[in-house]
């Protein structure tokens, strides 16, 4: 065997014949099996799957921004939150320095 990490499995003559017949039948139906190509394809597919999961997590944890109007001076106040917004939040207007409460609505789309 060319690979020192591989070892022979002892099989009887009858088992060897059955294995060879099955191998020959498989190769006639599907061609020669290229395990290196198969494992490389599997590895690439796994990496793509990991990338998709990481992208989905990044999208769900990204920062979101909202513009709310100050009820006192009617200036636009930018609110930044990562993930889901809180139910309500006390903000201070950067223009008039007065505080006000913002209650966020949850979307109930179907």
C-alpha atoms as a PDB file:
ATOM      1  CA  UNK A   1       0.000   0.000   0.000  1.00  0.00           C
ATOM      2  CA  UNK A   2       1.387   3.422  -0.888  1.00  0.00           C
ATOM      3  CA  UNK A   3      -0.181   5.237   2.076  1.00  0.00           C
ATOM      4  CA  UNK A   4       1.329   4.273   5.473  1.00  0.00           C
ATOM      5  CA  UNK A   5      -1.910   5.316   7.243  1.00  0.00           C
ATOM      6  CA  UNK A   6      -3.862   2.614   5.448  1.00  0.00           C
ATOM      7  CA  UNK A   7      -3.844  -1.028   6.453  1.00  0.00           C
ATOM      8  CA  UNK A   8      -5.186  -4.194   4.905  1.00  0.00           C
ATOM      9  CA  UNK A   9      -8.353  -5.727   6.266  1.00  0.00           C
ATOM     10  CA  UNK A  10      -8.181  -9.504   6.292  1.00  0.00           C
ATOM     11  CA  UNK A  11     -10.932 -11.034   4.110  1.00  0.00           C
ATOM     12  CA  UNK A  12     -11.523 -14.560   2.968  1.00  0.00           C
ATOM     13  CA  UNK A  13     -11.311 -15.615  -0.689  1.00  0.00           C
ATOM     14  CA  UNK A  14     -15.115 -15.697  -0.980  1.00  0.00           C
ATOM     15  CA  UNK A  15     -15.455 -12.221   0.558  1.00  0.00           C
ATOM     16  CA  UNK A  16     -12.776 -10.904  -1.801  1.00  0.00           C
ATOM     17  CA  UNK A  17     -14.684 -12.259  -4.822  1.00  0.00           C
ATOM     18  CA  UNK A  18     -17.929 -10.644  -3.642  1.00  0.00           C
ATOM     19  CA  UNK A  19     -16.171  -7.321  -3.031  1.00  0.00           C
ATOM     20  CA  UNK A  20     -14.464  -7.428  -6.435  1.00  0.00           C
ATOM     21  CA  UNK A  21     -17.756  -8.223  -8.181  1.00  0.00           C
ATOM     22  CA  UNK A  22     -19.473  -5.343  -6.406  1.00  0.00           C
ATOM     23  CA  UNK A  23     -16.584  -3.002  -7.226  1.00  0.00           C
ATOM     24  CA  UNK A  24     -16.569  -4.002 -10.895  1.00  0.00           C
ATOM     25  CA  UNK A  25     -20.351  -3.623 -11.121  1.00  0.00           C
ATOM     26  CA  UNK A  26     -20.160  -0.157  -9.537  1.00  0.00           C
ATOM     27  CA  UNK A  27     -17.375   0.947 -11.881  1.00  0.00           C
ATOM     28  CA  UNK A  28     -19.315  -0.272 -14.928  1.00  0.00           C
ATOM     29  CA  UNK A  29     -22.401   1.664 -13.842  1.00  0.00           C
ATOM     30  CA  UNK A  30     -20.772   4.845 -12.548  1.00  0.00           C
ATOM     31  CA  UNK A  31     -17.201   4.863 -13.785  1.00  0.00           C
ATOM     32  CA  UNK A  32     -14.138   4.819 -11.626  1.00  0.00           C
ATOM     33  CA  UNK A  33     -14.672   6.376  -8.205  1.00  0.00           C
ATOM     34  CA  UNK A  34     -12.392   9.325  -7.534  1.00  0.00           C
ATOM     35  CA  UNK A  35     -12.387   9.606  -3.740  1.00  0.00           C
ATOM     36  CA  UNK A  36     -10.119  12.653  -3.777  1.00  0.00           C
ATOM     37  CA  UNK A  37     -12.543  14.558  -5.977  1.00  0.00           C
ATOM     38  CA  UNK A  38     -15.497  13.373  -3.930  1.00  0.00           C
ATOM     39  CA  UNK A  39     -13.916  14.465  -0.645  1.00  0.00           C
ATOM     40  CA  UNK A  40     -12.825  17.792  -2.148  1.00  0.00           C
ATOM     41  CA  UNK A  41     -16.396  18.435  -3.315  1.00  0.00           C
ATOM     42  CA  UNK A  42     -17.700  17.509   0.115  1.00  0.00           C
ATOM     43  CA  UNK A  43     -15.227  19.890   1.766  1.00  0.00           C
ATOM     44  CA  UNK A  44     -16.177  22.754  -0.565  1.00  0.00           C
ATOM     45  CA  UNK A  45     -19.870  22.101   0.061  1.00  0.00           C
ATOM     46  CA  UNK A  46     -19.265  22.159   3.818  1.00  0.00           C
ATOM     47  CA  UNK A  47     -17.376  25.452   3.581  1.00  0.00           C
ATOM     48  CA  UNK A  48     -20.194  26.971   1.554  1.00  0.00           C
ATOM     49  CA  UNK A  49     -22.679  25.807   4.203  1.00  0.00           C
ATOM     50  CA  UNK A  50     -20.579  27.342   6.980  1.00  0.00           C
ATOM     51  CA  UNK A  51     -20.356  30.589   5.002  1.00  0.00           C
ATOM     52  CA  UNK A  52     -24.133  30.734   4.578  1.00  0.00           C
ATOM     53  CA  UNK A  53     -24.682  30.194   8.312  1.00  0.00           C
ATOM     54  CA  UNK A  54     -22.118  32.899   9.164  1.00  0.00           C
ATOM     55  CA  UNK A  55     -23.766  35.331   6.745  1.00  0.00           C
ATOM     56  CA  UNK A  56     -27.203  34.657   8.230  1.00  0.00           C
ATOM     57  CA  UNK A  57     -25.876  35.299  11.729  1.00  0.00           C
ATOM     58  CA  UNK A  58     -24.172  38.507  10.621  1.00  0.00           C
ATOM     59  CA  UNK A  59     -27.392  39.759   9.026  1.00  0.00           C
ATOM     60  CA  UNK A  60     -29.436  39.034  12.146  1.00  0.00           C
ATOM     61  CA  UNK A  61     -26.864  40.775  14.393  1.00  0.00           C
ATOM     62  CA  UNK A  62     -26.156  43.802  12.208  1.00  0.00           C
ATOM     63  CA  UNK A  63     -26.850  47.288  13.417  1.00  0.00           C
ATOM     64  CA  UNK A  64     -30.111  48.845  12.356  1.00  0.00           C
ATOM     65  CA  UNK A  65     -30.919  52.539  12.337  1.00  0.00           C
ATOM     66  CA  UNK A  66     -34.205  54.372  12.700  1.00  0.00           C
ATOM     67  CA  UNK A  67     -35.047  58.034  12.430  1.00  0.00           C
ATOM     68  CA  UNK A  68     -37.515  59.338  14.996  1.00  0.00           C
ATOM     69  CA  UNK A  69     -38.870  62.832  15.333  1.00  0.00           C
ATOM     70  CA  UNK A  70     -38.359  64.771  18.538  1.00  0.00           C
ATOM     71  CA  UNK A  71     -41.812  65.760  19.832  1.00  0.00           C
ATOM     72  CA  UNK A  72     -40.438  69.054  21.196  1.00  0.00           C
ATOM     73  CA  UNK A  73     -38.353  70.584  18.376  1.00  0.00           C
ATOM     74  CA  UNK A  74     -39.379  68.178  15.566  1.00  0.00           C
ATOM     75  CA  UNK A  75     -35.745  67.418  14.751  1.00  0.00           C
ATOM     76  CA  UNK A  76     -34.755  64.056  13.337  1.00  0.00           C
ATOM     77  CA  UNK A  77     -33.050  61.823  15.918  1.00  0.00           C
ATOM     78  CA  UNK A  78     -31.149  58.795  14.672  1.00  0.00           C
ATOM     79  CA  UNK A  79     -31.454  55.642  16.786  1.00  0.00           C
ATOM     80  CA  UNK A  80     -29.016  52.763  16.248  1.00  0.00           C
ATOM     81  CA  UNK A  81     -29.512  49.290  17.723  1.00  0.00           C
ATOM     82  CA  UNK A  82     -28.080  45.887  16.949  1.00  0.00           C
ATOM     83  CA  UNK A  83     -30.450  42.970  16.768  1.00  0.00           C
ATOM     84  CA  UNK A  84     -34.037  43.636  17.714  1.00  0.00           C
ATOM     85  CA  UNK A  85     -35.007  47.086  18.955  1.00  0.00           C
ATOM     86  CA  UNK A  86     -36.110  47.404  22.568  1.00  0.00           C
ATOM     87  CA  UNK A  87     -39.804  47.799  23.351  1.00  0.00           C
ATOM     88  CA  UNK A  88     -39.316  51.384  24.506  1.00  0.00           C
ATOM     89  CA  UNK A  89     -36.352  53.677  24.976  1.00  0.00           C
ATOM     90  CA  UNK A  90     -35.656  57.050  26.567  1.00  0.00           C
ATOM     91  CA  UNK A  91     -33.786  59.319  24.172  1.00  0.00           C
ATOM     92  CA  UNK A  92     -32.246  62.738  24.442  1.00  0.00           C
ATOM     93  CA  UNK A  93     -32.637  65.055  21.479  1.00  0.00           C
ATOM     94  CA  UNK A  94     -29.243  66.288  20.235  1.00  0.00           C
ATOM     95  CA  UNK A  95     -30.821  69.586  19.139  1.00  0.00           C
ATOM     96  CA  UNK A  96     -32.909  70.707  22.108  1.00  0.00           C
ATOM     97  CA  UNK A  97     -31.392  68.418  24.791  1.00  0.00           C
ATOM     98  CA  UNK A  98     -34.816  67.378  26.053  1.00  0.00           C
ATOM     99  CA  UNK A  99     -35.653  63.760  26.786  1.00  0.00           C
ATOM    100  CA  UNK A 100     -38.545  61.809  25.348  1.00  0.00           C
ATOM    101  CA  UNK A 101     -39.705  58.207  25.175  1.00  0.00           C
ATOM    102  CA  UNK A 102     -39.916  56.220  21.972  1.00  0.00           C
ATOM    103  CA  UNK A 103     -42.096  53.127  21.876  1.00  0.00           C
ATOM    104  CA  UNK A 104     -41.192  50.809  18.998  1.00  0.00           C
ATOM    105  CA  UNK A 105     -43.833  48.887  17.116  1.00  0.00           C
ATOM    106  CA  UNK A 106     -43.303  45.278  16.263  1.00  0.00           C
ATOM    107  CA  UNK A 107     -44.082  44.209  12.735  1.00  0.00           C
ATOM    108  CA  UNK A 108     -46.916  41.737  12.513  1.00  0.00           C
ATOM    109  CA  UNK A 109     -46.695  40.980   8.802  1.00  0.00           C
ATOM    110  CA  UNK A 110     -48.111  37.760   7.458  1.00  0.00           C
END
